[in-house]
C-alpha atoms as a PDB file:
ATOM      1  CA  MET A   1       4.382  -1.212 -17.773  1.00  0.00           C
ATOM      2  CA  LYS A   2       1.221  -0.141 -15.950  1.00  0.00           C
ATOM      3  CA  LEU A   3       1.901   1.805 -12.768  1.00  0.00           C
ATOM      4  CA  ILE A   4      -0.452   1.672  -9.810  1.00  0.00           C
ATOM      5  CA  PHE A   5      -0.791   2.930  -6.285  1.00  0.00           C
ATOM      6  CA  ALA A   6      -1.552   0.248  -3.715  1.00  0.00           C
ATOM      7  CA  TYR A   7      -3.741   1.904  -1.082  1.00  0.00           C
ATOM      8  CA  ILE A   8      -3.353   0.112   2.251  1.00  0.00           C
ATOM      9  CA  THR A   9      -4.649   0.975   5.712  1.00  0.00           C
ATOM     10  CA  ALA A  10      -2.888  -0.079   8.912  1.00  0.00           C
ATOM     11  CA  LYS A  11      -3.748   0.117  12.610  1.00  0.00           C
ATOM     12  CA  ASN A  12      -0.985   2.672  13.306  1.00  0.00           C
ATOM     13  CA  LYS A  13       2.162   4.325  11.971  1.00  0.00           C
ATOM     14  CA  SER A  14       4.421   1.609  13.368  1.00  0.00           C
ATOM     15  CA  GLU A  15       2.601  -1.121  11.452  1.00  0.00           C
ATOM     16  CA  ALA A  16       2.531   0.990   8.267  1.00  0.00           C
ATOM     17  CA  LYS A  17       6.296   1.564   8.493  1.00  0.00           C
ATOM     18  CA  LYS A  18       6.912  -2.160   9.066  1.00  0.00           C
ATOM     19  CA  ILE A  19       4.818  -3.080   6.021  1.00  0.00           C
ATOM     20  CA  GLY A  20       6.397  -0.335   3.921  1.00  0.00           C
ATOM     21  CA  LYS A  21       9.942  -1.350   4.779  1.00  0.00           C
ATOM     22  CA  ILE A  22       9.284  -4.994   3.850  1.00  0.00           C
ATOM     23  CA  LEU A  23       7.690  -3.981   0.539  1.00  0.00           C
ATOM     24  CA  LEU A  24      10.735  -1.814  -0.246  1.00  0.00           C
ATOM     25  CA  GLN A  25      13.253  -4.475   0.801  1.00  0.00           C
ATOM     26  CA  GLU A  26      11.548  -7.040  -1.432  1.00  0.00           C
ATOM     27  CA  ARG A  27      11.297  -4.457  -4.263  1.00  0.00           C
ATOM     28  CA  LEU A  28       7.547  -4.914  -4.478  1.00  0.00           C
ATOM     29  CA  ALA A  29       7.291  -1.113  -4.172  1.00  0.00           C
ATOM     30  CA  ALA A  30       9.748   1.610  -5.148  1.00  0.00           C
ATOM     31  CA  CYS A  31       8.320   4.326  -2.897  1.00  0.00           C
ATOM     32  CA  ILE A  32       6.032   4.412   0.132  1.00  0.00           C
ATOM     33  CA  ASN A  33       3.993   7.336   1.451  1.00  0.00           C
ATOM     34  CA  ILE A  34       2.530   7.191   4.968  1.00  0.00           C
ATOM     35  CA  PHE A  35      -0.315   9.387   6.205  1.00  0.00           C
ATOM     36  CA  ASP A  36      -0.833   9.035   9.939  1.00  0.00           C
ATOM     37  CA  ASN A  37      -3.924   9.601  12.057  1.00  0.00           C
ATOM     38  CA  MET A  38      -6.630   9.259   9.424  1.00  0.00           C
ATOM     39  CA  GLN A  39     -10.141   8.745  10.779  1.00  0.00           C
ATOM     40  CA  SER A  40     -11.982   5.717   9.374  1.00  0.00           C
ATOM     41  CA  MET A  41     -15.662   4.831   9.655  1.00  0.00           C
ATOM     42  CA  TYR A  42     -16.851   1.459   8.341  1.00  0.00           C
ATOM     43  CA  TRP A  43     -19.249  -1.422   8.751  1.00  0.00           C
ATOM     44  CA  TRP A  44     -17.839  -4.336  10.740  1.00  0.00           C
ATOM     45  CA  GLU A  45     -19.785  -7.304  12.057  1.00  0.00           C
ATOM     46  CA  GLY A  46     -23.157  -5.567  11.706  1.00  0.00           C
ATOM     47  CA  LYS A  47     -22.329  -2.191  13.226  1.00  0.00           C
ATOM     48  CA  ILE A  48     -20.599   1.047  12.321  1.00  0.00           C
ATOM     49  CA  GLU A  49     -17.080   1.316  13.739  1.00  0.00           C
ATOM     50  CA  GLU A  50     -14.873   4.389  13.982  1.00  0.00           C
ATOM     51  CA  GLN A  51     -11.139   4.494  14.642  1.00  0.00           C
ATOM     52  CA  ALA A  52      -7.870   6.184  13.770  1.00  0.00           C
ATOM     53  CA  GLU A  53      -5.786   4.412  11.141  1.00  0.00           C
ATOM     54  CA  THR A  54      -2.696   5.071   9.058  1.00  0.00           C
ATOM     55  CA  VAL A  55      -2.732   5.049   5.263  1.00  0.00           C
ATOM     56  CA  LEU A  56       0.173   3.597   3.320  1.00  0.00           C
ATOM     57  CA  ILE A  57       0.436   4.221  -0.424  1.00  0.00           C
ATOM     58  CA  ALA A  58       2.875   1.906  -2.186  1.00  0.00           C
ATOM     59  CA  LYS A  59       3.974   2.867  -5.706  1.00  0.00           C
ATOM     60  CA  THR A  60       4.366  -0.240  -7.836  1.00  0.00           C
ATOM     61  CA  THR A  61       3.195  -1.950 -11.031  1.00  0.00           C
ATOM     62  CA  GLN A  62       0.064  -3.859 -11.877  1.00  0.00           C
ATOM     63  CA  LYS A  63       2.211  -6.935 -12.517  1.00  0.00           C
ATOM     64  CA  LEU A  64       3.652  -6.842  -8.964  1.00  0.00           C
ATOM     65  CA  PHE A  65       0.327  -6.118  -7.245  1.00  0.00           C
ATOM     66  CA  PRO A  66      -0.644  -9.770  -6.583  1.00  0.00           C
ATOM     67  CA  LYS A  67       2.706 -10.441  -4.852  1.00  0.00           C
ATOM     68  CA  LEU A  68       2.461  -7.157  -2.935  1.00  0.00           C
ATOM     69  CA  SER A  69      -1.086  -7.954  -1.829  1.00  0.00           C
ATOM     70  CA  ASN A  70      -0.133 -11.460  -0.678  1.00  0.00           C
ATOM     71  CA  LYS A  71       2.858 -10.108   1.246  1.00  0.00           C
ATOM     72  CA  VAL A  72       0.758  -7.448   2.988  1.00  0.00           C
ATOM     73  CA  ARG A  73      -1.918  -9.997   3.942  1.00  0.00           C
ATOM     74  CA  SER A  74       0.756 -12.302   5.394  1.00  0.00           C
ATOM     75  CA  ILE A  75       2.144  -9.623   7.767  1.00  0.00           C
ATOM     76  CA  HIS A  76      -0.878  -7.396   8.457  1.00  0.00           C
ATOM     77  CA  SER A  77      -2.586  -7.411  11.856  1.00  0.00           C
ATOM     78  CA  TYR A  78      -6.113  -7.143  10.384  1.00  0.00           C
ATOM     79  CA  SER A  79      -8.016 -10.271   9.390  1.00  0.00           C
ATOM     80  CA  VAL A  80      -9.403  -8.360   6.370  1.00  0.00           C
ATOM     81  CA  PRO A  81      -6.896  -5.620   5.475  1.00  0.00           C
ATOM     82  CA  CYS A  82      -7.753  -2.883   2.983  1.00  0.00           C
ATOM     83  CA  ILE A  83      -5.445  -3.380  -0.017  1.00  0.00           C
ATOM     84  CA  LEU A  84      -6.723  -1.586  -3.120  1.00  0.00           C
ATOM     85  CA  GLN A  85      -5.211  -1.012  -6.546  1.00  0.00           C
ATOM     86  CA  ILE A  86      -5.507   2.517  -7.993  1.00  0.00           C
ATOM     87  CA  GLN A  87      -4.525   2.969 -11.633  1.00  0.00           C
ATOM     88  CA  VAL A  88      -2.033   5.700 -12.569  1.00  0.00           C
ATOM     89  CA  ALA A  89      -2.883   7.190 -15.963  1.00  0.00           C
ATOM     90  CA  ASP A  90       0.206   9.330 -16.554  1.00  0.00           C
ATOM     91  CA  GLY A  91       2.948  11.257 -14.805  1.00  0.00           C
ATOM     92  CA  ASN A  92       6.433  12.735 -14.864  1.00  0.00           C
ATOM     93  CA  LYS A  93       8.349  10.477 -17.287  1.00  0.00           C
ATOM     94  CA  ASP A  94      11.621  10.834 -15.341  1.00  0.00           C
ATOM     95  CA  TYR A  95       9.888   9.826 -12.112  1.00  0.00           C
ATOM     96  CA  ILE A  96       8.194   6.880 -13.816  1.00  0.00           C
ATOM     97  CA  SER A  97      11.583   5.719 -15.143  1.00  0.00           C
ATOM     98  CA  TRP A  98      13.129   5.980 -11.672  1.00  0.00           C
ATOM     99  CA  LEU A  99      10.187   4.122 -10.171  1.00  0.00           C
ATOM    100  CA  THR A 100      10.333   1.197 -12.587  1.00  0.00           C
ATOM    101  CA  GLU A 101      14.128   0.918 -12.249  1.00  0.00           C
ATOM    102  CA  ASN A 102      13.700   0.358  -8.507  1.00  0.00           C
ATOM    103  CA  LEU A 103      11.190  -2.477  -8.668  1.00  0.00           C
ATOM    104  CA  LYS A 104      11.614  -6.230  -8.859  1.00  0.00           C
ATOM    105  CA  LYS A 105      12.074  -7.334 -12.455  1.00  0.00           C
END
């Protein structure tokens, strides 16, 4: 089973917590980390934008990523949310076992 981190940005901590809770309830992620008050700079509609955002990292599997991504897009406030898959090469075997036991089968 290939583990991944889903890297997601949200407009604020409240939205990140809402998304995270839904992903946990639906067992599309086994663990969520939230980093508040990150500064983002990006191109949008022909100009450079800058704003504070919140990062959500959802620990899941490659197999569940499409469902997770669809769920996030359906509840996210952005028209084009950042939802990226980051491969996990290795890790603590006990943690990996716990993680996979707490995901949708």
